[in-house]
Amino acid sequence: MLTDNGHAVIYLSEALQTGSPDDLVALTAQENDAILVACDGDMKVMAKKYGVTNTRYRKLSLLKLTLKKQTQAKYRVEQALSLLEHEWKFCEHKQSRRLFIEIKDQKISSMR
């Protein structure tokens, strides 16, 4: 769906070994100027760990999917795509260039 809309996608399984540490995944996303899209439970811990106060990951962009049914992920991202694109363009003009959006079943939040 993202590639259909002209966005480059780097699949974790193609870029890193399965089971790679979260630190390596986050650093790889940041170094590739990519948005880390995550829908596993560890992301709450990761988001807190790589929050605004962590200077090592101050440019990490994160799209966190917190859904009861992961099968809804594609549908919810499709619904939020124009917001994601808008926020990404907004971030281009920020010094820190950081995007942090959380998509839940009934709510979408953008943390600037």
C-alpha atoms as a PDB file:
ATOM      1  CA  MET A   1       0.000   0.000   0.000  1.00  0.00           C
ATOM      2  CA  LEU A   2       2.808   2.444   0.799  1.00  0.00           C
ATOM      3  CA  THR A   3       4.729   1.535  -2.354  1.00  0.00           C
ATOM      4  CA  ASP A   4       1.509   1.908  -4.359  1.00  0.00           C
ATOM      5  CA  ASN A   5       1.419   5.522  -3.157  1.00  0.00           C
ATOM      6  CA  GLY A   6       4.986   6.222  -4.252  1.00  0.00           C
ATOM      7  CA  HIS A   7       6.749   5.688  -0.931  1.00  0.00           C
ATOM      8  CA  ALA A   8       9.976   3.729  -0.613  1.00  0.00           C
ATOM      9  CA  VAL A   9       9.724   0.835   1.830  1.00  0.00           C
ATOM     10  CA  ILE A  10      12.636  -0.946   3.493  1.00  0.00           C
ATOM     11  CA  TYR A  11      11.494  -4.265   4.928  1.00  0.00           C
ATOM     12  CA  LEU A  12      13.192  -5.229   8.164  1.00  0.00           C
ATOM     13  CA  SER A  13      13.619  -8.826   7.012  1.00  0.00           C
ATOM     14  CA  GLU A  14      15.551  -7.618   3.957  1.00  0.00           C
ATOM     15  CA  ALA A  15      17.710  -5.056   5.765  1.00  0.00           C
ATOM     16  CA  LEU A  16      18.564  -6.754   9.041  1.00  0.00           C
ATOM     17  CA  GLN A  17      18.669 -10.198  10.536  1.00  0.00           C
ATOM     18  CA  THR A  18      15.429 -11.375  12.151  1.00  0.00           C
ATOM     19  CA  GLY A  19      15.557 -10.792  15.890  1.00  0.00           C
ATOM     20  CA  SER A  20      17.956  -7.847  15.649  1.00  0.00           C
ATOM     21  CA  PRO A  21      18.073  -5.684  18.788  1.00  0.00           C
ATOM     22  CA  ASP A  22      15.668  -2.727  18.923  1.00  0.00           C
ATOM     23  CA  ASP A  23      18.638  -0.344  19.153  1.00  0.00           C
ATOM     24  CA  LEU A  24      19.968  -1.561  15.801  1.00  0.00           C
ATOM     25  CA  VAL A  25      16.526  -1.367  14.177  1.00  0.00           C
ATOM     26  CA  ALA A  26      16.032   2.199  15.422  1.00  0.00           C
ATOM     27  CA  LEU A  27      19.494   3.297  14.348  1.00  0.00           C
ATOM     28  CA  THR A  28      19.050   1.744  10.887  1.00  0.00           C
ATOM     29  CA  ALA A  29      15.746   3.581  10.374  1.00  0.00           C
ATOM     30  CA  GLN A  30      17.261   6.855  11.520  1.00  0.00           C
ATOM     31  CA  GLU A  31      20.368   6.503   9.343  1.00  0.00           C
ATOM     32  CA  ASN A  32      18.200   5.799   6.279  1.00  0.00           C
ATOM     33  CA  ASP A  33      16.011   8.850   7.007  1.00  0.00           C
ATOM     34  CA  ALA A  34      13.093   6.430   7.180  1.00  0.00           C
ATOM     35  CA  ILE A  35      10.009   6.189   9.346  1.00  0.00           C
ATOM     36  CA  LEU A  36      10.139   3.148  11.607  1.00  0.00           C
ATOM     37  CA  VAL A  37       6.726   1.488  11.399  1.00  0.00           C
ATOM     38  CA  ALA A  38       6.150  -0.809  14.339  1.00  0.00           C
ATOM     39  CA  CYS A  39       3.186  -2.742  15.625  1.00  0.00           C
ATOM     40  CA  ASP A  40       4.663  -4.952  18.313  1.00  0.00           C
ATOM     41  CA  GLY A  41       4.218  -4.562  22.061  1.00  0.00           C
ATOM     42  CA  ASP A  42       7.864  -3.658  22.624  1.00  0.00           C
ATOM     43  CA  MET A  43       7.292  -0.328  20.934  1.00  0.00           C
ATOM     44  CA  LYS A  44       5.792   1.249  24.071  1.00  0.00           C
ATOM     45  CA  VAL A  45       9.080   0.640  25.812  1.00  0.00           C
ATOM     46  CA  MET A  46      11.026   1.663  22.715  1.00  0.00           C
ATOM     47  CA  ALA A  47       9.051   4.879  22.234  1.00  0.00           C
ATOM     48  CA  LYS A  48       9.655   5.839  25.846  1.00  0.00           C
ATOM     49  CA  LYS A  49      13.319   4.841  25.611  1.00  0.00           C
ATOM     50  CA  TYR A  50      13.866   6.854  22.422  1.00  0.00           C
ATOM     51  CA  GLY A  51      11.744   9.765  23.551  1.00  0.00           C
ATOM     52  CA  VAL A  52      12.593  13.390  23.202  1.00  0.00           C
ATOM     53  CA  THR A  53      15.266  13.251  25.888  1.00  0.00           C
ATOM     54  CA  ASN A  54      17.397  10.605  24.154  1.00  0.00           C
ATOM     55  CA  THR A  55      19.836  12.579  22.006  1.00  0.00           C
ATOM     56  CA  ARG A  56      21.165   9.509  20.182  1.00  0.00           C
ATOM     57  CA  TYR A  57      17.780   8.993  18.531  1.00  0.00           C
ATOM     58  CA  ARG A  58      16.602  12.583  18.362  1.00  0.00           C
ATOM     59  CA  LYS A  59      15.955  12.250  14.622  1.00  0.00           C
ATOM     60  CA  LEU A  60      14.229   8.858  14.772  1.00  0.00           C
ATOM     61  CA  SER A  61      10.819   8.984  13.108  1.00  0.00           C
ATOM     62  CA  LEU A  62       8.329   6.472  14.447  1.00  0.00           C
ATOM     63  CA  LEU A  63       4.878   5.339  13.366  1.00  0.00           C
ATOM     64  CA  LYS A  64       3.552   3.255  16.231  1.00  0.00           C
ATOM     65  CA  LEU A  65       0.522   1.043  15.600  1.00  0.00           C
ATOM     66  CA  THR A  66      -1.288   0.144  18.813  1.00  0.00           C
ATOM     67  CA  LEU A  67      -4.194  -1.951  17.590  1.00  0.00           C
ATOM     68  CA  LYS A  68      -6.245  -4.743  19.139  1.00  0.00           C
ATOM     69  CA  LYS A  69      -6.134  -6.594  15.815  1.00  0.00           C
ATOM     70  CA  GLN A  70      -2.923  -6.247  13.812  1.00  0.00           C
ATOM     71  CA  THR A  71      -4.943  -7.239  10.751  1.00  0.00           C
ATOM     72  CA  GLN A  72      -6.388  -3.703  10.885  1.00  0.00           C
ATOM     73  CA  ALA A  73      -2.940  -2.100  10.451  1.00  0.00           C
ATOM     74  CA  LYS A  74      -3.106  -1.663   6.677  1.00  0.00           C
ATOM     75  CA  TYR A  75      -6.620  -0.206   6.847  1.00  0.00           C
ATOM     76  CA  ARG A  76      -5.705   2.245   9.631  1.00  0.00           C
ATOM     77  CA  VAL A  77      -2.512   3.376   7.859  1.00  0.00           C
ATOM     78  CA  GLU A  78      -4.524   3.928   4.663  1.00  0.00           C
ATOM     79  CA  GLN A  79      -6.923   6.114   6.649  1.00  0.00           C
ATOM     80  CA  ALA A  80      -4.054   8.129   8.098  1.00  0.00           C
ATOM     81  CA  LEU A  81      -1.856   8.338   4.995  1.00  0.00           C
ATOM     82  CA  SER A  82      -2.605  11.970   4.133  1.00  0.00           C
ATOM     83  CA  LEU A  83      -1.900  12.975   7.753  1.00  0.00           C
ATOM     84  CA  LEU A  84       1.373  11.011   7.703  1.00  0.00           C
ATOM     85  CA  GLU A  85       2.433  12.681   4.467  1.00  0.00           C
ATOM     86  CA  HIS A  86       1.527  16.118   5.825  1.00  0.00           C
ATOM     87  CA  GLU A  87       3.432  15.565   9.071  1.00  0.00           C
ATOM     88  CA  TRP A  88       6.472  14.252   7.162  1.00  0.00           C
ATOM     89  CA  LYS A  89       6.535  17.417   5.034  1.00  0.00           C
ATOM     90  CA  PHE A  90       6.138  19.523   8.173  1.00  0.00           C
ATOM     91  CA  CYS A  91       9.099  17.708   9.761  1.00  0.00           C
ATOM     92  CA  GLU A  92      11.305  18.485   6.763  1.00  0.00           C
ATOM     93  CA  HIS A  93      11.441  22.093   7.926  1.00  0.00           C
ATOM     94  CA  LYS A  94      12.215  21.296  11.548  1.00  0.00           C
ATOM     95  CA  GLN A  95      15.808  21.239  12.709  1.00  0.00           C
ATOM     96  CA  SER A  96      15.371  17.876  14.434  1.00  0.00           C
ATOM     97  CA  ARG A  97      13.250  16.373  11.601  1.00  0.00           C
ATOM     98  CA  ARG A  98      11.384  13.921  13.761  1.00  0.00           C
ATOM     99  CA  LEU A  99       7.968  12.390  13.239  1.00  0.00           C
ATOM    100  CA  PHE A 100       6.139  10.486  15.961  1.00  0.00           C
ATOM    101  CA  ILE A 101       2.614   9.318  15.220  1.00  0.00           C
ATOM    102  CA  GLU A 102       0.627   6.712  17.093  1.00  0.00           C
ATOM    103  CA  ILE A 103      -2.359   5.032  15.468  1.00  0.00           C
ATOM    104  CA  LYS A 104      -4.856   3.304  17.745  1.00  0.00           C
ATOM    105  CA  ASP A 105      -8.204   1.685  17.004  1.00  0.00           C
ATOM    106  CA  GLN A 106     -10.183   4.881  17.605  1.00  0.00           C
ATOM    107  CA  LYS A 107      -7.506   7.572  17.735  1.00  0.00           C
ATOM    108  CA  ILE A 108      -4.545   8.982  15.809  1.00  0.00           C
ATOM    109  CA  SER A 109      -2.015  11.163  17.654  1.00  0.00           C
ATOM    110  CA  SER A 110       0.841  13.229  16.295  1.00  0.00           C
ATOM    111  CA  MET A 111       3.478  14.343  18.772  1.00  0.00           C
ATOM    112  CA  ARG A 112       5.369  17.394  17.568  1.00  0.00           C
END
